[in-house]
N, C-alpha and C. Protein backbone atom coordinates (compact mmCIF):
# COMPACT_ATOMS: atom_id res chain seq x y z
N UNK A 1 197.54 166.89 389.39
CA UNK A 1 197.86 165.42 389.66
C UNK A 1 199.55 165.39 389.37
N UNK A 2 200.08 164.72 390.17
CA UNK A 2 201.62 164.39 390.00
C UNK A 2 201.93 163.67 389.06
N UNK A 3 203.15 163.91 388.37
CA UNK A 3 203.53 163.08 387.21
C UNK A 3 204.47 162.09 387.58
N UNK A 4 204.62 161.65 388.76
CA UNK A 4 205.65 160.56 389.04
C UNK A 4 205.17 159.33 388.73
N UNK A 5 206.12 158.15 388.48
CA UNK A 5 205.47 156.80 387.93
C UNK A 5 204.84 156.26 389.00
N UNK A 6 203.86 155.40 388.78
CA UNK A 6 203.03 154.75 389.76
C UNK A 6 203.77 153.77 390.54
N UNK A 7 205.05 153.37 390.27
CA UNK A 7 205.62 152.35 391.06
C UNK A 7 206.25 152.97 392.32
N UNK A 8 206.58 154.47 392.35
CA UNK A 8 207.05 155.04 393.45
C UNK A 8 205.89 155.75 394.31
N UNK A 9 204.73 155.49 394.15
CA UNK A 9 203.65 156.04 394.74
C UNK A 9 203.32 155.20 395.96
N UNK A 10 203.32 155.85 397.15
CA UNK A 10 203.29 155.15 398.56
C UNK A 10 201.71 154.78 398.87
N UNK A 11 200.73 155.51 397.93
CA UNK A 11 199.46 155.26 398.23
C UNK A 11 198.98 154.02 397.83
N UNK A 12 199.73 153.08 396.95
CA UNK A 12 199.31 151.88 396.35
C UNK A 12 200.14 150.85 396.81
N UNK A 13 199.52 149.74 397.07
CA UNK A 13 200.38 148.43 397.34
C UNK A 13 200.72 147.77 396.09
N UNK A 14 201.50 146.57 396.33
CA UNK A 14 201.96 145.94 394.95
C UNK A 14 200.69 145.35 394.26
N UNK A 15 200.07 144.81 394.89
CA UNK A 15 198.82 144.30 394.18
C UNK A 15 198.17 145.21 393.37
N UNK A 16 197.96 146.39 393.85
CA UNK A 16 197.17 147.49 393.30
C UNK A 16 198.10 148.01 391.95
N UNK A 17 199.22 148.17 392.25
CA UNK A 17 200.19 148.64 391.10
C UNK A 17 200.19 147.53 389.92
N UNK A 18 200.20 146.24 390.28
CA UNK A 18 200.05 145.32 389.16
C UNK A 18 198.56 145.28 388.55
N UNK A 19 197.62 145.63 389.08
CA UNK A 19 196.37 145.72 388.60
C UNK A 19 196.10 147.04 387.72
N UNK A 20 196.77 147.98 388.22
CA UNK A 20 196.77 149.15 387.36
C UNK A 20 197.57 149.08 385.98
N UNK A 21 198.69 148.48 386.28
CA UNK A 21 199.62 148.22 384.94
C UNK A 21 198.80 147.20 383.83
N UNK A 22 198.14 146.17 384.65
CA UNK A 22 197.59 145.12 383.66
C UNK A 22 196.30 145.96 383.14
N UNK A 23 195.52 146.76 383.61
CA UNK A 23 194.54 147.58 383.12
C UNK A 23 194.87 148.41 382.07
N UNK A 24 196.01 149.11 382.05
CA UNK A 24 196.57 150.06 381.24
C UNK A 24 197.21 149.31 379.93
N UNK A 25 197.78 148.17 380.27
CA UNK A 25 198.08 147.36 379.14
C UNK A 25 196.76 146.81 378.41
N UNK A 26 195.98 146.43 379.02
CA UNK A 26 194.73 145.87 378.25
C UNK A 26 194.13 147.01 377.54
N UNK A 27 194.18 148.18 378.02
CA UNK A 27 193.67 149.32 377.23
C UNK A 27 194.23 149.71 375.88
N UNK A 28 195.70 149.32 376.22
CA UNK A 28 196.63 149.72 374.90
C UNK A 28 196.36 148.58 373.85
N UNK A 29 196.24 147.51 374.35
CA UNK A 29 196.07 146.13 373.36
C UNK A 29 194.74 146.38 372.64
N UNK A 30 193.50 146.57 373.36
CA UNK A 30 192.28 146.69 373.08
C UNK A 30 192.38 147.77 371.94
N UNK A 31 192.72 149.10 372.31
CA UNK A 31 192.68 150.11 371.43
C UNK A 31 193.48 150.03 370.13
N UNK A 32 194.61 149.47 370.29
CA UNK A 32 195.61 149.13 369.10
C UNK A 32 194.74 147.99 368.02
N UNK A 33 193.99 147.06 368.87
CA UNK A 33 193.27 146.14 367.92
C UNK A 33 192.18 146.64 367.15
N UNK A 34 191.43 147.67 367.69
CA UNK A 34 190.39 148.37 367.10
C UNK A 34 190.94 149.29 365.99
N UNK A 35 191.90 149.90 366.30
CA UNK A 35 192.38 150.67 365.18
C UNK A 35 193.14 150.01 364.05
N UNK A 36 193.84 148.83 364.34
CA UNK A 36 194.46 147.94 363.35
C UNK A 36 193.25 147.46 362.46
N UNK A 37 192.10 146.89 363.03
CA UNK A 37 190.96 146.60 362.26
C UNK A 37 190.54 147.64 361.34
N UNK A 38 190.32 149.12 361.76
CA UNK A 38 189.98 149.96 360.93
C UNK A 38 190.96 150.19 359.74
N UNK A 39 192.32 150.21 360.13
CA UNK A 39 193.33 150.43 359.13
C UNK A 39 193.32 149.12 358.24
N UNK A 40 193.07 148.10 358.48
CA UNK A 40 193.07 146.98 357.68
C UNK A 40 192.00 147.15 356.57
N UNK A 41 190.85 147.63 357.16
CA UNK A 41 189.66 147.58 356.28
C UNK A 41 189.78 148.84 355.18
N UNK A 42 190.46 149.93 355.62
CA UNK A 42 190.75 150.97 354.78
C UNK A 42 191.73 150.50 353.67
N UNK A 43 192.96 149.91 354.11
CA UNK A 43 193.90 149.52 353.32
C UNK A 43 193.60 148.60 352.34
N UNK A 44 192.80 147.34 352.80
CA UNK A 44 192.57 146.46 351.76
C UNK A 44 191.27 146.83 350.97
N UNK A 45 190.71 147.81 351.22
CA UNK A 45 189.62 148.20 350.29
C UNK A 45 190.30 148.99 348.98
N UNK A 46 191.50 149.27 349.27
CA UNK A 46 192.16 150.03 348.01
C UNK A 46 193.04 149.08 347.41
N UNK A 47 193.71 148.00 348.24
CA UNK A 47 194.81 147.20 347.65
C UNK A 47 194.52 145.80 347.98
N UNK A 48 194.50 144.86 346.78
CA UNK A 48 194.35 143.53 346.90
C UNK A 48 195.64 142.80 347.40
N UNK A 49 195.59 141.81 348.34
CA UNK A 49 196.70 141.17 348.55
C UNK A 49 197.34 140.18 347.86
N UNK A 50 196.44 139.76 346.99
CA UNK A 50 196.91 138.88 345.85
C UNK A 50 197.62 139.73 344.85
N UNK A 51 197.27 140.70 344.41
CA UNK A 51 197.89 141.93 343.58
C UNK A 51 199.25 142.36 344.14
N UNK A 52 199.26 142.48 345.28
CA UNK A 52 200.51 143.04 346.02
C UNK A 52 201.50 141.87 346.19
N UNK A 53 200.83 140.62 346.25
CA UNK A 53 202.03 139.66 346.14
C UNK A 53 202.63 139.42 344.75
N UNK A 54 201.92 139.50 343.62
CA UNK A 54 202.26 139.46 342.30
C UNK A 54 203.37 140.45 341.93
N UNK A 55 203.41 141.79 342.48
CA UNK A 55 204.11 142.79 342.18
C UNK A 55 205.34 142.77 343.20
N UNK A 56 205.26 142.01 344.26
CA UNK A 56 206.46 142.06 345.28
C UNK A 56 207.65 141.48 344.75
N UNK A 57 208.90 141.88 345.18
CA UNK A 57 210.11 141.24 344.74
C UNK A 57 210.37 139.96 345.60
N UNK A 58 209.95 139.61 346.54
CA UNK A 58 209.95 138.58 347.49
C UNK A 58 209.23 137.32 346.57
N UNK A 59 209.86 136.22 346.68
CA UNK A 59 209.33 135.06 345.84
C UNK A 59 208.54 133.99 346.74
N UNK A 60 207.55 134.54 347.78
CA UNK A 60 207.01 133.90 348.58
C UNK A 60 205.43 133.77 348.03
N UNK A 61 205.05 132.57 348.08
CA UNK A 61 203.53 132.36 347.70
C UNK A 61 202.72 132.68 348.88
N UNK A 62 202.08 133.60 348.90
CA UNK A 62 201.01 134.07 349.90
C UNK A 62 199.72 134.26 349.25
N UNK A 63 198.70 133.52 349.71
CA UNK A 63 197.19 133.79 349.29
C UNK A 63 196.66 134.88 349.83
N UNK A 64 195.23 135.30 349.27
CA UNK A 64 194.66 136.28 349.73
C UNK A 64 194.57 136.27 351.24
N UNK A 65 194.07 135.30 351.90
CA UNK A 65 193.40 135.23 353.26
C UNK A 65 195.08 135.45 354.08
N UNK A 66 196.03 134.90 353.60
CA UNK A 66 197.22 135.07 354.36
C UNK A 66 197.68 136.53 354.16
N UNK A 67 197.50 137.24 353.08
CA UNK A 67 197.88 138.46 352.94
C UNK A 67 197.00 139.41 353.90
N UNK A 68 195.76 139.12 354.08
CA UNK A 68 194.82 139.80 355.14
C UNK A 68 195.26 139.72 356.48
N UNK A 69 195.53 138.43 356.76
CA UNK A 69 196.14 138.13 358.10
C UNK A 69 197.35 138.74 358.64
N UNK A 70 198.32 138.73 357.51
CA UNK A 70 199.71 139.43 357.77
C UNK A 70 199.54 140.83 357.77
N UNK A 71 198.54 141.42 357.07
CA UNK A 71 198.37 142.90 356.94
C UNK A 71 197.99 143.43 358.40
N UNK A 72 196.82 142.63 358.85
CA UNK A 72 196.38 142.97 360.10
C UNK A 72 197.39 142.75 361.27
N UNK A 73 198.21 141.61 361.18
CA UNK A 73 199.04 141.59 362.38
C UNK A 73 200.22 142.69 362.36
N UNK A 74 200.50 142.95 361.14
CA UNK A 74 201.37 144.26 360.93
C UNK A 74 200.82 145.45 361.59
N UNK A 75 199.59 145.62 361.15
CA UNK A 75 198.93 147.04 361.77
C UNK A 75 198.77 146.93 363.21
N UNK A 76 198.40 145.78 363.61
CA UNK A 76 198.16 145.55 365.05
C UNK A 76 199.52 145.64 365.87
N UNK A 77 200.69 145.14 365.27
CA UNK A 77 201.99 145.21 366.13
C UNK A 77 202.43 146.70 366.17
N UNK A 78 202.31 147.20 365.11
CA UNK A 78 202.56 148.70 364.98
C UNK A 78 201.85 149.54 365.78
N UNK A 79 200.68 149.49 365.89
CA UNK A 79 199.76 150.28 366.86
C UNK A 79 200.05 149.99 368.29
N UNK A 80 200.33 148.82 368.51
CA UNK A 80 200.52 148.36 369.85
C UNK A 80 201.98 148.90 370.44
N UNK A 81 202.95 148.85 369.40
CA UNK A 81 204.12 149.56 369.82
C UNK A 81 204.04 151.04 369.99
N UNK A 82 203.33 151.55 369.18
CA UNK A 82 203.13 153.04 369.35
C UNK A 82 202.41 153.45 370.74
N UNK A 83 201.47 152.70 370.97
CA UNK A 83 200.74 152.89 372.24
C UNK A 83 201.54 152.74 373.34
N UNK A 84 202.17 151.59 373.24
CA UNK A 84 203.17 151.05 374.41
C UNK A 84 204.24 152.31 374.68
N UNK A 85 204.89 152.68 373.46
CA UNK A 85 205.75 153.74 373.57
C UNK A 85 205.30 155.05 374.23
N UNK A 86 203.99 155.50 373.95
CA UNK A 86 203.31 156.85 374.24
C UNK A 86 203.23 156.46 375.72
N UNK A 87 202.63 155.41 376.14
CA UNK A 87 202.53 155.07 377.70
C UNK A 87 203.77 155.20 378.33
N UNK A 88 204.72 154.71 377.87
CA UNK A 88 206.07 154.69 378.71
C UNK A 88 206.48 156.05 378.74
N UNK A 89 206.31 156.95 377.70
CA UNK A 89 206.80 158.25 377.79
C UNK A 89 205.78 159.23 378.85
N UNK A 90 204.57 158.77 378.74
CA UNK A 90 203.54 159.50 379.72
C UNK A 90 204.06 159.24 381.15
N UNK A 91 204.55 157.96 381.31
CA UNK A 91 204.74 157.55 382.79
C UNK A 91 206.07 157.98 383.35
N UNK A 92 206.94 158.56 382.39
CA UNK A 92 208.23 159.02 382.87
C UNK A 92 208.14 160.17 383.83
N UNK A 93 208.82 160.28 385.02
CA UNK A 93 208.75 161.53 385.69
C UNK A 93 209.34 162.60 385.17
N UNK A 94 208.74 163.80 385.52
CA UNK A 94 209.17 165.06 385.02
C UNK A 94 210.49 165.53 385.29
N UNK A 95 211.41 166.10 384.65
CA UNK A 95 212.53 166.65 384.82
C UNK A 95 212.38 168.06 385.70
N UNK A 96 213.60 168.30 386.08
CA UNK A 96 213.50 169.70 386.97
C UNK A 96 213.49 170.79 386.12
N UNK A 97 213.75 170.75 384.82
CA UNK A 97 213.42 171.90 383.86
C UNK A 97 211.86 171.89 383.39
N UNK A 98 211.21 170.88 383.63
CA UNK A 98 209.98 170.85 382.95
C UNK A 98 208.86 171.14 384.26
N UNK A 99 209.34 171.11 385.43
CA UNK A 99 208.57 171.45 386.53
C UNK A 99 208.22 172.79 386.64
N UNK A 100 206.98 172.97 387.27
CA UNK A 100 206.39 174.45 387.27
C UNK A 100 207.28 175.21 388.24
N UNK A 101 207.62 176.36 387.72
CA UNK A 101 208.33 177.13 388.50
C UNK A 101 207.49 178.46 389.23
N UNK A 102 207.58 178.70 390.21
CA UNK A 102 206.83 180.12 390.89
C UNK A 102 207.53 181.39 390.42
N UNK A 103 207.17 182.19 389.87
CA UNK A 103 207.73 183.52 389.38
C UNK A 103 207.12 184.49 390.52
N UNK A 104 208.22 185.31 391.02
CA UNK A 104 207.75 186.39 391.96
C UNK A 104 207.90 187.61 391.41
């Protein structure tokens, strides 16, 4: 399978390229959501958001539910950015040095 980006492939029209992009974006969003949910469960099983608010150096009053929500949004955004960057790197074309060479 070639590693050229999908935008330069002549086998797909523009509508198909958009559908492929949105499908891949949806996969990244959904997987990052599920992983963030698992991370939030594990993290908040160990640490109480109310206690973290007490020991924090910032003087913002955040309740327990707001702490859960902020933690989940942090985990989700971190996982989304990680998945997005992995997808971008995988979609980059191969360089001439990385292409397979035939040895005689």
